[in-house]
Amino acid sequence: MSQGTTPWGPTPAGPTPAGTTPESERDTEFQEHEKILSPDFLSVAQITDLLTEDVDGVQEKLRIFLNFKNIETCLKDAILLDYYVSGFLWARRMDFSVIQYSKFMTLLAMLLQNLETLHMSLEDSIKWLGEVMAEIGPNHSQKSEEWSIFDVKQANAIIDYIKISLFQHYKLYEFMFYSAREEIVIGTEQVIEIVKPAGGPFPEPLEEGISFDIYSTFIAPPTTLDREMKGLGQEQGPEESQPETDTSDVDPSFGFTIEDVKSVLDQVTNDILIGIQTEINEKLQIQEEVFNARIEKLKKA
C-alpha cells in the first residue's frame, strides 16, 4: 500500500502497482512531498537579496517583486504589502534557512489565495493549515523525519504567528477581498483669497487704523479701472474738458493770505485730533472698567 501527499493533506491509500520496489515507491513519495507549497512564492535569489536589506529595503524590494505599484493610493495593495513584509521580518527573527523562508512565505501567500479565490472560511483555513503543517512540520514516523522542514518549536511558532496576524483579523481580510469600496477623494481644488501685494507707498488700512473712507479718498492710489475710465472720458469729451483745462490754470489759493491758510489747517487739524482723542478716551475708559471688574472679582475670591 502507498500513500501520497497533496497541499490539502494525505491522499487515500491505494494498492502498490505491480513491479515496483520499495526504493521506487520511496522516490515517488519524496517527489510528492516536494510538491507541497509549490511553486515557491519567492525565489531563492529574491530571498537572498531580501536578507541583505533593512526594514525599509525589505519593503521596497517586496513591493518591486510583488508588483505593487499603488501602495500610496490603493488600500488593498498597502495591506497586502504590509502582510508580507511583517511575515518576512518575523521569519528573520526566527533565523530560518532559505528553504524555510521559501516555504513560510508560500504558506502565507496560499492562505490569502485560498481566502480570495476559494472563499475559504476561517474554519476551513485552520483545517487546511493543520494538514499542511502535518506534512512540512515534524512527524513521529521514522520515514518522514528527513522530510520535515520545520521542527516542533518552529512549527508551533508559525501557527501562533498566523493566528495573530491572519486568523484574528480574518473578517477584515474577507471585507478587503469581497466588499466593494467607494472611491476616496484624495484631492480637491479650493479658491483661496490671498493678500494683495502693496501697490503704493502705504499699506492697506488695518482694523484699528484710519477709516477706509479717509484712506480710499486721500491715500489709496487710483485703481487701473479708474485710470482707464478717466482716460476714456478724456477721449470721448475733449470739448467738455476744455473749460476745465482753462480753469485749472487759475491758482486755487488766489485771494487767500497765509494767515487764512494757517487758520483753515489749524481748524481741520483740531477737528481730527479731537475725534481721535475722544475715541482714545472711550477705549481707555472701557479698559479701565474691565480691569476694575477683574480686581473686584479677585478681592472677592
C-alpha atoms as a PDB file:
ATOM      1  CA  MET A   1       0.000   0.000   0.000  1.00  0.00           C
ATOM      2  CA  SER A   2       1.246   3.504  -0.832  1.00  0.00           C
ATOM      3  CA  GLN A   3       0.027   6.886   0.316  1.00  0.00           C
ATOM      4  CA  GLY A   4       0.833  10.236  -1.428  1.00  0.00           C
ATOM      5  CA  THR A   5       0.509  13.762  -0.149  1.00  0.00           C
ATOM      6  CA  THR A   6      -1.040  16.956  -1.543  1.00  0.00           C
ATOM      7  CA  PRO A   7      -1.286  20.505  -0.231  1.00  0.00           C
ATOM      8  CA  TRP A   8      -4.716  19.502   1.112  1.00  0.00           C
ATOM      9  CA  GLY A   9      -3.402  16.549   3.137  1.00  0.00           C
ATOM     10  CA  PRO A  10      -2.619  12.896   2.553  1.00  0.00           C
ATOM     11  CA  THR A  11      -4.282  11.105  -0.323  1.00  0.00           C
ATOM     12  CA  PRO A  12      -6.165   7.891   0.336  1.00  0.00           C
ATOM     13  CA  ALA A  13      -4.041   4.792   0.401  1.00  0.00           C
ATOM     14  CA  GLY A  14      -4.122   2.561  -2.626  1.00  0.00           C
ATOM     15  CA  PRO A  15      -2.533  -0.665  -3.744  1.00  0.00           C
ATOM     16  CA  THR A  16       1.084  -0.600  -4.786  1.00  0.00           C
ATOM     17  CA  PRO A  17       1.444  -1.125  -8.536  1.00  0.00           C
ATOM     18  CA  ALA A  18       2.896  -4.433  -9.528  1.00  0.00           C
ATOM     19  CA  GLY A  19       6.563  -4.436 -10.359  1.00  0.00           C
ATOM     20  CA  THR A  20       7.555  -1.586  -8.065  1.00  0.00           C
ATOM     21  CA  THR A  21      10.302  -1.782  -5.490  1.00  0.00           C
ATOM     22  CA  PRO A  22      10.496  -0.106  -2.064  1.00  0.00           C
ATOM     23  CA  GLU A  23      13.153   2.235  -3.428  1.00  0.00           C
ATOM     24  CA  SER A  24      10.977   3.430  -6.333  1.00  0.00           C
ATOM     25  CA  GLU A  25       7.990   3.831  -4.003  1.00  0.00           C
ATOM     26  CA  ARG A  26      10.140   5.908  -1.661  1.00  0.00           C
ATOM     27  CA  ASP A  27      11.298   8.114  -4.538  1.00  0.00           C
ATOM     28  CA  THR A  28       7.705   8.639  -5.637  1.00  0.00           C
ATOM     29  CA  GLU A  29       6.666   9.665  -2.128  1.00  0.00           C
ATOM     30  CA  PHE A  30       9.617  12.055  -1.908  1.00  0.00           C
ATOM     31  CA  GLN A  31       8.640  13.695  -5.200  1.00  0.00           C
ATOM     32  CA  GLU A  32       5.055  14.065  -3.996  1.00  0.00           C
ATOM     33  CA  HIS A  33       6.324  15.617  -0.768  1.00  0.00           C
ATOM     34  CA  GLU A  34       8.401  18.128  -2.699  1.00  0.00           C
ATOM     35  CA  LYS A  35       5.223  19.402  -4.389  1.00  0.00           C
ATOM     36  CA  ILE A  36       3.815  20.692  -1.097  1.00  0.00           C
ATOM     37  CA  LEU A  37       3.597  24.537  -1.088  1.00  0.00           C
ATOM     38  CA  SER A  38       4.881  24.711  -4.656  1.00  0.00           C
ATOM     39  CA  PRO A  39       5.574  26.729  -6.704  1.00  0.00           C
ATOM     40  CA  ASP A  40       7.578  28.939  -4.397  1.00  0.00           C
ATOM     41  CA  PHE A  41       6.160  32.386  -3.691  1.00  0.00           C
ATOM     42  CA  LEU A  42       9.678  33.895  -3.674  1.00  0.00           C
ATOM     43  CA  SER A  43      12.706  32.511  -5.438  1.00  0.00           C
ATOM     44  CA  VAL A  44      15.944  31.688  -3.660  1.00  0.00           C
ATOM     45  CA  ALA A  45      17.650  34.648  -5.328  1.00  0.00           C
ATOM     46  CA  GLN A  46      14.913  37.027  -4.148  1.00  0.00           C
ATOM     47  CA  ILE A  47      15.086  35.724  -0.581  1.00  0.00           C
ATOM     48  CA  THR A  48      18.876  36.045  -0.562  1.00  0.00           C
ATOM     49  CA  ASP A  49      18.541  39.617  -1.805  1.00  0.00           C
ATOM     50  CA  LEU A  50      15.979  40.464   0.892  1.00  0.00           C
ATOM     51  CA  LEU A  51      18.186  39.104   3.660  1.00  0.00           C
ATOM     52  CA  THR A  52      20.760  41.830   2.952  1.00  0.00           C
ATOM     53  CA  GLU A  53      18.251  44.694   3.347  1.00  0.00           C
ATOM     54  CA  ASP A  54      16.999  46.637   6.356  1.00  0.00           C
ATOM     55  CA  VAL A  55      13.305  47.141   7.114  1.00  0.00           C
ATOM     56  CA  ASP A  56      12.792  49.881   4.519  1.00  0.00           C
ATOM     57  CA  GLY A  57      14.796  47.936   1.964  1.00  0.00           C
ATOM     58  CA  VAL A  58      12.721  44.793   2.527  1.00  0.00           C
ATOM     59  CA  GLN A  59       9.523  46.767   1.993  1.00  0.00           C
ATOM     60  CA  GLU A  60      10.809  48.364  -1.199  1.00  0.00           C
ATOM     61  CA  LYS A  61      12.170  45.116  -2.626  1.00  0.00           C
ATOM     62  CA  LEU A  62       8.958  43.202  -1.870  1.00  0.00           C
ATOM     63  CA  ARG A  63       6.952  45.995  -3.467  1.00  0.00           C
ATOM     64  CA  ILE A  64       9.003  45.510  -6.637  1.00  0.00           C
ATOM     65  CA  PHE A  65       8.950  41.697  -6.525  1.00  0.00           C
ATOM     66  CA  LEU A  66       5.158  41.564  -5.990  1.00  0.00           C
ATOM     67  CA  ASN A  67       4.457  44.396  -8.465  1.00  0.00           C
ATOM     68  CA  PHE A  68       2.584  46.660  -6.047  1.00  0.00           C
ATOM     69  CA  LYS A  69       2.570  49.998  -7.871  1.00  0.00           C
ATOM     70  CA  ASN A  70      -0.069  51.990  -5.991  1.00  0.00           C
ATOM     71  CA  ILE A  71       0.564  51.405  -2.291  1.00  0.00           C
ATOM     72  CA  GLU A  72       0.081  55.108  -1.525  1.00  0.00           C
ATOM     73  CA  THR A  73      -3.363  55.260  -3.131  1.00  0.00           C
ATOM     74  CA  CYS A  74      -4.592  51.630  -3.147  1.00  0.00           C
ATOM     75  CA  LEU A  75      -5.563  50.361   0.302  1.00  0.00           C
ATOM     76  CA  LYS A  76      -5.573  46.711  -0.788  1.00  0.00           C
ATOM     77  CA  ASP A  77      -2.006  46.834  -2.140  1.00  0.00           C
ATOM     78  CA  ALA A  78      -0.787  48.570   1.030  1.00  0.00           C
ATOM     79  CA  ILE A  79      -2.423  45.939   3.278  1.00  0.00           C
ATOM     80  CA  LEU A  80      -1.005  43.008   1.300  1.00  0.00           C
ATOM     81  CA  LEU A  81       2.479  44.521   1.236  1.00  0.00           C
ATOM     82  CA  ASP A  82       2.356  45.067   4.996  1.00  0.00           C
ATOM     83  CA  TYR A  83       1.192  41.446   5.429  1.00  0.00           C
ATOM     84  CA  TYR A  84       4.159  40.013   3.540  1.00  0.00           C
ATOM     85  CA  VAL A  85       6.740  42.449   4.974  1.00  0.00           C
ATOM     86  CA  SER A  86       5.653  41.635   8.523  1.00  0.00           C
ATOM     87  CA  GLY A  87       5.836  37.910   7.786  1.00  0.00           C
ATOM     88  CA  PHE A  88       9.330  38.128   6.290  1.00  0.00           C
ATOM     89  CA  LEU A  89      10.673  40.212   9.181  1.00  0.00           C
ATOM     90  CA  TRP A  90       9.174  37.755  11.669  1.00  0.00           C
ATOM     91  CA  ALA A  91      10.862  34.878   9.832  1.00  0.00           C
ATOM     92  CA  ARG A  92      14.161  36.758  10.010  1.00  0.00           C
ATOM     93  CA  ARG A  93      13.869  36.909  13.800  1.00  0.00           C
ATOM     94  CA  MET A  94      13.284  33.134  13.789  1.00  0.00           C
ATOM     95  CA  ASP A  95      16.609  32.666  11.950  1.00  0.00           C
ATOM     96  CA  PHE A  96      15.111  30.435   9.253  1.00  0.00           C
ATOM     97  CA  SER A  97      17.110  28.852   6.490  1.00  0.00           C
ATOM     98  CA  VAL A  98      16.496  29.850   2.873  1.00  0.00           C
ATOM     99  CA  ILE A  99      14.250  26.844   2.207  1.00  0.00           C
ATOM    100  CA  GLN A 100      12.318  27.619   5.399  1.00  0.00           C
ATOM    101  CA  TYR A 101      11.887  31.240   4.260  1.00  0.00           C
ATOM    102  CA  SER A 102      10.579  29.969   0.932  1.00  0.00           C
ATOM    103  CA  LYS A 103       8.022  27.566   2.414  1.00  0.00           C
ATOM    104  CA  PHE A 104       6.868  30.017   5.063  1.00  0.00           C
ATOM    105  CA  MET A 105       6.279  32.881   2.592  1.00  0.00           C
ATOM    106  CA  THR A 106       4.500  30.460   0.234  1.00  0.00           C
ATOM    107  CA  LEU A 107       2.326  29.352   3.146  1.00  0.00           C
ATOM    108  CA  LEU A 108       1.330  32.956   3.841  1.00  0.00           C
ATOM    109  CA  ALA A 109       0.532  33.534   0.174  1.00  0.00           C
ATOM    110  CA  MET A 110      -1.543  30.362  -0.188  1.00  0.00           C
ATOM    111  CA  LEU A 111      -3.626  31.214   2.881  1.00  0.00           C
ATOM    112  CA  LEU A 112      -4.620  34.504   1.251  1.00  0.00           C
ATOM    113  CA  GLN A 113      -5.105  32.820  -2.119  1.00  0.00           C
ATOM    114  CA  ASN A 114      -7.496  30.291  -0.574  1.00  0.00           C
ATOM    115  CA  LEU A 115      -9.428  33.144   1.022  1.00  0.00           C
ATOM    116  CA  GLU A 116      -9.580  35.242  -2.143  1.00  0.00           C
ATOM    117  CA  THR A 117     -10.206  32.634  -4.840  1.00  0.00           C
ATOM    118  CA  LEU A 118     -11.830  29.735  -2.966  1.00  0.00           C
ATOM    119  CA  HIS A 119     -13.729  31.891  -0.422  1.00  0.00           C
ATOM    120  CA  MET A 120     -12.433  29.549   2.256  1.00  0.00           C
ATOM    121  CA  SER A 121     -13.957  30.122   5.679  1.00  0.00           C
ATOM    122  CA  LEU A 122     -11.928  30.555   8.854  1.00  0.00           C
ATOM    123  CA  GLU A 123     -12.677  27.006   9.978  1.00  0.00           C
ATOM    124  CA  ASP A 124     -11.570  25.581   6.632  1.00  0.00           C
ATOM    125  CA  SER A 125      -8.389  27.673   6.666  1.00  0.00           C
ATOM    126  CA  ILE A 126      -7.471  26.398  10.126  1.00  0.00           C
ATOM    127  CA  LYS A 127      -8.085  22.829   8.990  1.00  0.00           C
ATOM    128  CA  TRP A 128      -6.030  23.359   5.825  1.00  0.00           C
ATOM    129  CA  LEU A 129      -3.171  24.866   7.837  1.00  0.00           C
ATOM    130  CA  GLY A 130      -3.166  21.846  10.140  1.00  0.00           C
ATOM    131  CA  GLU A 131      -2.967  19.446   7.200  1.00  0.00           C
ATOM    132  CA  VAL A 132      -0.118  21.364   5.555  1.00  0.00           C
ATOM    133  CA  MET A 133       1.855  21.717   8.786  1.00  0.00           C
ATOM    134  CA  ALA A 134       1.469  17.976   9.334  1.00  0.00           C
ATOM    135  CA  GLU A 135       3.254  17.426   6.019  1.00  0.00           C
ATOM    136  CA  ILE A 136       6.022  20.033   6.250  1.00  0.00           C
ATOM    137  CA  GLY A 137       6.361  20.001  10.039  1.00  0.00           C
ATOM    138  CA  PRO A 138       7.686  17.363  12.447  1.00  0.00           C
ATOM    139  CA  ASN A 139       6.281  13.865  12.252  1.00  0.00           C
ATOM    140  CA  HIS A 140       6.725  10.951  14.608  1.00  0.00           C
ATOM    141  CA  SER A 141       7.143   8.412  11.820  1.00  0.00           C
ATOM    142  CA  GLN A 142      10.723   7.491  11.085  1.00  0.00           C
ATOM    143  CA  LYS A 143      10.102   7.735   7.331  1.00  0.00           C
ATOM    144  CA  SER A 144       9.113  11.431   7.413  1.00  0.00           C
ATOM    145  CA  GLU A 145      11.776  12.746   9.766  1.00  0.00           C
ATOM    146  CA  GLU A 146      14.225  13.502   6.964  1.00  0.00           C
ATOM    147  CA  TRP A 147      11.493  15.352   5.010  1.00  0.00           C
ATOM    148  CA  SER A 148      10.495  17.691   7.880  1.00  0.00           C
ATOM    149  CA  ILE A 149      11.199  21.316   7.006  1.00  0.00           C
ATOM    150  CA  PHE A 150      10.378  22.769  10.458  1.00  0.00           C
ATOM    151  CA  ASP A 151      10.998  21.323  13.900  1.00  0.00           C
ATOM    152  CA  VAL A 152       8.412  21.261  16.675  1.00  0.00           C
ATOM    153  CA  LYS A 153       9.332  24.666  18.109  1.00  0.00           C
ATOM    154  CA  GLN A 154       9.313  26.349  14.710  1.00  0.00           C
ATOM    155  CA  ALA A 155       6.010  24.756  13.696  1.00  0.00           C
ATOM    156  CA  ASN A 156       4.314  25.929  16.893  1.00  0.00           C
ATOM    157  CA  ALA A 157       5.739  29.412  16.427  1.00  0.00           C
ATOM    158  CA  ILE A 158       4.439  29.548  12.835  1.00  0.00           C
ATOM    159  CA  ILE A 159       0.943  28.529  13.919  1.00  0.00           C
ATOM    160  CA  ASP A 160       0.942  31.159  16.693  1.00  0.00           C
ATOM    161  CA  TYR A 161       2.109  33.837  14.273  1.00  0.00           C
ATOM    162  CA  ILE A 162      -0.546  33.024  11.650  1.00  0.00           C
ATOM    163  CA  LYS A 163      -3.145  33.050  14.408  1.00  0.00           C
ATOM    164  CA  ILE A 164      -2.357  36.640  15.485  1.00  0.00           C
ATOM    165  CA  SER A 165      -1.519  38.003  12.024  1.00  0.00           C
ATOM    166  CA  LEU A 166      -4.293  36.472   9.879  1.00  0.00           C
ATOM    167  CA  PHE A 167      -6.862  34.445  11.771  1.00  0.00           C
ATOM    168  CA  GLN A 168      -7.631  37.111  14.379  1.00  0.00           C
ATOM    169  CA  HIS A 169      -8.289  39.599  11.553  1.00  0.00           C
ATOM    170  CA  TYR A 170      -9.958  37.167   9.159  1.00  0.00           C
ATOM    171  CA  LYS A 171     -13.170  39.222   8.842  1.00  0.00           C
ATOM    172  CA  LEU A 172     -11.143  42.265   7.828  1.00  0.00           C
ATOM    173  CA  TYR A 173      -9.358  40.328   5.090  1.00  0.00           C
ATOM    174  CA  GLU A 174     -12.713  38.969   3.885  1.00  0.00           C
ATOM    175  CA  PHE A 175     -14.037  42.505   3.738  1.00  0.00           C
ATOM    176  CA  MET A 176     -10.959  43.616   1.788  1.00  0.00           C
ATOM    177  CA  PHE A 177     -11.383  40.899  -0.855  1.00  0.00           C
ATOM    178  CA  TYR A 178     -15.168  40.732  -1.184  1.00  0.00           C
ATOM    179  CA  SER A 179     -16.589  44.190  -0.354  1.00  0.00           C
ATOM    180  CA  ALA A 180     -16.668  46.964  -2.921  1.00  0.00           C
ATOM    181  CA  ARG A 181     -15.306  50.239  -1.606  1.00  0.00           C
ATOM    182  CA  GLU A 182     -16.186  53.746  -2.669  1.00  0.00           C
ATOM    183  CA  GLU A 183     -13.506  55.796  -4.314  1.00  0.00           C
ATOM    184  CA  ILE A 184     -11.904  58.068  -1.764  1.00  0.00           C
ATOM    185  CA  VAL A 185     -11.385  61.679  -2.811  1.00  0.00           C
ATOM    186  CA  ILE A 186      -7.689  62.303  -2.254  1.00  0.00           C
ATOM    187  CA  GLY A 187      -7.580  65.764  -3.776  1.00  0.00           C
ATOM    188  CA  THR A 188      -9.771  68.792  -4.235  1.00  0.00           C
ATOM    189  CA  GLU A 189      -9.481  72.314  -5.567  1.00  0.00           C
ATOM    190  CA  GLN A 190     -10.144  75.328  -3.384  1.00  0.00           C
ATOM    191  CA  VAL A 191     -10.065  79.021  -4.212  1.00  0.00           C
ATOM    192  CA  ILE A 192      -8.112  80.926  -1.565  1.00  0.00           C
ATOM    193  CA  GLU A 193      -8.050  84.687  -1.421  1.00  0.00           C
ATOM    194  CA  ILE A 194      -4.578  85.986  -0.695  1.00  0.00           C
ATOM    195  CA  VAL A 195      -3.386  89.394   0.469  1.00  0.00           C
ATOM    196  CA  LYS A 196      -2.959  91.881  -2.344  1.00  0.00           C
ATOM    197  CA  PRO A 197       0.611  92.996  -2.965  1.00  0.00           C
ATOM    198  CA  ALA A 198       1.468  96.518  -1.859  1.00  0.00           C
ATOM    199  CA  GLY A 199       0.924  98.744  -4.882  1.00  0.00           C
ATOM    200  CA  GLY A 200       1.771 102.053  -3.232  1.00  0.00           C
ATOM    201  CA  PRO A 201       3.903 103.617  -0.532  1.00  0.00           C
ATOM    202  CA  PHE A 202       1.258 102.946   2.140  1.00  0.00           C
ATOM    203  CA  PRO A 203      -0.079  99.594   3.420  1.00  0.00           C
ATOM    204  CA  GLU A 204      -3.716  98.594   3.432  1.00  0.00           C
ATOM    205  CA  PRO A 205      -5.801 100.029   6.324  1.00  0.00           C
ATOM    206  CA  LEU A 206      -5.854  97.938   9.495  1.00  0.00           C
ATOM    207  CA  GLU A 207      -8.875  97.211  11.697  1.00  0.00           C
ATOM    208  CA  GLU A 208      -7.942  99.864  14.259  1.00  0.00           C
ATOM    209  CA  GLY A 209      -6.203 102.207  11.837  1.00  0.00           C
ATOM    210  CA  ILE A 210      -7.676 105.113   9.918  1.00  0.00           C
ATOM    211  CA  SER A 211     -11.141 104.744   8.444  1.00  0.00           C
ATOM    212  CA  PHE A 212     -11.466 103.251   4.993  1.00  0.00           C
ATOM    213  CA  ASP A 213     -13.203 106.369   3.642  1.00  0.00           C
ATOM    214  CA  ILE A 214     -10.254 108.603   4.509  1.00  0.00           C
ATOM    215  CA  TYR A 215      -7.799 106.028   3.198  1.00  0.00           C
ATOM    216  CA  SER A 216      -9.592 105.459  -0.106  1.00  0.00           C
ATOM    217  CA  THR A 217     -10.181 109.196  -0.662  1.00  0.00           C
ATOM    218  CA  PHE A 218      -6.857 110.747   0.257  1.00  0.00           C
ATOM    219  CA  ILE A 219      -4.205 107.962   0.430  1.00  0.00           C
ATOM    220  CA  ALA A 220      -5.034 104.975  -1.783  1.00  0.00           C
ATOM    221  CA  PRO A 221      -3.691 105.294  -5.351  1.00  0.00           C
ATOM    222  CA  PRO A 222      -6.293 105.170  -8.124  1.00  0.00           C
ATOM    223  CA  THR A 223      -7.030 101.697  -9.453  1.00  0.00           C
ATOM    224  CA  THR A 224      -6.392 100.627 -13.019  1.00  0.00           C
ATOM    225  CA  LEU A 225     -10.122 100.752 -13.748  1.00  0.00           C
ATOM    226  CA  ASP A 226     -10.379 104.336 -12.510  1.00  0.00           C
ATOM    227  CA  ARG A 227      -7.443 105.372 -14.678  1.00  0.00           C
ATOM    228  CA  GLU A 228      -8.958 103.678 -17.738  1.00  0.00           C
ATOM    229  CA  MET A 229     -12.341 105.319 -17.169  1.00  0.00           C
ATOM    230  CA  LYS A 230     -10.690 108.682 -16.753  1.00  0.00           C
ATOM    231  CA  GLY A 231      -8.727 108.249 -19.987  1.00  0.00           C
ATOM    232  CA  LEU A 232     -11.865 107.102 -21.805  1.00  0.00           C
ATOM    233  CA  GLY A 233     -13.734 110.186 -20.611  1.00  0.00           C
ATOM    234  CA  GLN A 234     -10.968 112.434 -21.866  1.00  0.00           C
ATOM    235  CA  GLU A 235     -11.069 110.781 -25.303  1.00  0.00           C
ATOM    236  CA  GLN A 236     -14.862 110.987 -25.653  1.00  0.00           C
ATOM    237  CA  GLY A 237     -15.328 114.561 -24.448  1.00  0.00           C
ATOM    238  CA  PRO A 238     -12.381 116.745 -25.368  1.00  0.00           C
ATOM    239  CA  GLU A 239     -14.638 119.743 -25.893  1.00  0.00           C
ATOM    240  CA  GLU A 240     -16.234 119.422 -22.451  1.00  0.00           C
ATOM    241  CA  SER A 241     -12.880 119.060 -20.773  1.00  0.00           C
ATOM    242  CA  GLN A 242     -11.561 122.230 -22.382  1.00  0.00           C
ATOM    243  CA  PRO A 243     -13.176 124.646 -19.886  1.00  0.00           C
ATOM    244  CA  GLU A 244     -11.794 122.520 -17.055  1.00  0.00           C
ATOM    245  CA  THR A 245      -8.344 122.936 -18.546  1.00  0.00           C
ATOM    246  CA  ASP A 246      -8.840 126.662 -18.684  1.00  0.00           C
ATOM    247  CA  THR A 247      -9.964 126.888 -15.070  1.00  0.00           C
ATOM    248  CA  SER A 248      -7.127 124.623 -13.930  1.00  0.00           C
ATOM    249  CA  ASP A 249      -4.689 127.324 -14.910  1.00  0.00           C
ATOM    250  CA  VAL A 250      -6.091 129.579 -12.167  1.00  0.00           C
ATOM    251  CA  ASP A 251      -4.263 129.368  -8.845  1.00  0.00           C
ATOM    252  CA  PRO A 252      -6.708 127.883  -6.304  1.00  0.00           C
ATOM    253  CA  SER A 253      -5.054 129.879  -3.474  1.00  0.00           C
ATOM    254  CA  PHE A 254      -5.627 133.161  -5.267  1.00  0.00           C
ATOM    255  CA  GLY A 255      -7.282 135.682  -2.923  1.00  0.00           C
ATOM    256  CA  PHE A 256      -6.202 133.898   0.311  1.00  0.00           C
ATOM    257  CA  THR A 257      -3.441 135.089   2.589  1.00  0.00           C
ATOM    258  CA  ILE A 258      -1.034 132.884   4.507  1.00  0.00           C
ATOM    259  CA  GLU A 259      -2.943 133.567   7.691  1.00  0.00           C
ATOM    260  CA  ASP A 260      -6.149 132.321   6.120  1.00  0.00           C
ATOM    261  CA  VAL A 261      -4.485 129.086   5.041  1.00  0.00           C
ATOM    262  CA  LYS A 262      -2.997 128.549   8.513  1.00  0.00           C
ATOM    263  CA  SER A 263      -6.357 129.165  10.132  1.00  0.00           C
ATOM    264  CA  VAL A 264      -8.073 126.576   7.932  1.00  0.00           C
ATOM    265  CA  LEU A 265      -5.353 123.999   8.532  1.00  0.00           C
ATOM    266  CA  ASP A 266      -5.485 124.556  12.284  1.00  0.00           C
ATOM    267  CA  GLN A 267      -9.224 124.074  12.290  1.00  0.00           C
ATOM    268  CA  VAL A 268      -9.042 120.843  10.284  1.00  0.00           C
ATOM    269  CA  THR A 269      -6.202 119.511  12.431  1.00  0.00           C
ATOM    270  CA  ASN A 270      -8.055 120.300  15.638  1.00  0.00           C
ATOM    271  CA  ASP A 271     -11.187 118.559  14.400  1.00  0.00           C
ATOM    272  CA  ILE A 272      -9.242 115.412  13.530  1.00  0.00           C
ATOM    273  CA  LEU A 273      -7.264 115.429  16.784  1.00  0.00           C
ATOM    274  CA  ILE A 274     -10.386 115.965  18.866  1.00  0.00           C
ATOM    275  CA  GLY A 275     -12.063 112.996  17.222  1.00  0.00           C
ATOM    276  CA  ILE A 276      -9.018 110.791  17.765  1.00  0.00           C
ATOM    277  CA  GLN A 277      -8.654 111.936  21.377  1.00  0.00           C
ATOM    278  CA  THR A 278     -12.308 111.201  22.081  1.00  0.00           C
ATOM    279  CA  GLU A 279     -12.022 107.707  20.632  1.00  0.00           C
ATOM    280  CA  ILE A 280      -8.857 107.017  22.668  1.00  0.00           C
ATOM    281  CA  ASN A 281     -10.510 108.206  25.864  1.00  0.00           C
ATOM    282  CA  GLU A 282     -13.514 105.963  25.264  1.00  0.00           C
ATOM    283  CA  LYS A 283     -11.286 102.908  24.759  1.00  0.00           C
ATOM    284  CA  LEU A 284      -9.236 103.742  27.843  1.00  0.00           C
ATOM    285  CA  GLN A 285     -12.400 104.088  29.875  1.00  0.00           C
ATOM    286  CA  ILE A 286     -13.636 100.697  28.702  1.00  0.00           C
ATOM    287  CA  GLN A 287     -10.310  99.068  29.554  1.00  0.00           C
ATOM    288  CA  GLU A 288     -10.338 100.721  32.985  1.00  0.00           C
ATOM    289  CA  GLU A 289     -13.798  99.356  33.700  1.00  0.00           C
ATOM    290  CA  VAL A 290     -12.718  95.859  32.666  1.00  0.00           C
ATOM    291  CA  PHE A 291      -9.644  95.983  34.914  1.00  0.00           C
ATOM    292  CA  ASN A 292     -11.689  97.305  37.835  1.00  0.00           C
ATOM    293  CA  ALA A 293     -14.174  94.464  37.408  1.00  0.00           C
ATOM    294  CA  ARG A 294     -11.355  91.919  37.432  1.00  0.00           C
ATOM    295  CA  ILE A 295      -9.839  93.498  40.553  1.00  0.00           C
ATOM    296  CA  GLU A 296     -13.199  93.281  42.344  1.00  0.00           C
ATOM    297  CA  LYS A 297     -13.521  89.600  41.422  1.00  0.00           C
ATOM    298  CA  LEU A 298     -10.006  88.928  42.767  1.00  0.00           C
ATOM    299  CA  LYS A 299     -10.818  90.738  46.025  1.00  0.00           C
ATOM    300  CA  LYS A 300     -13.991  88.678  46.473  1.00  0.00           C
ATOM    301  CA  ALA A 301     -12.061  85.448  45.736  1.00  0.00           C
END
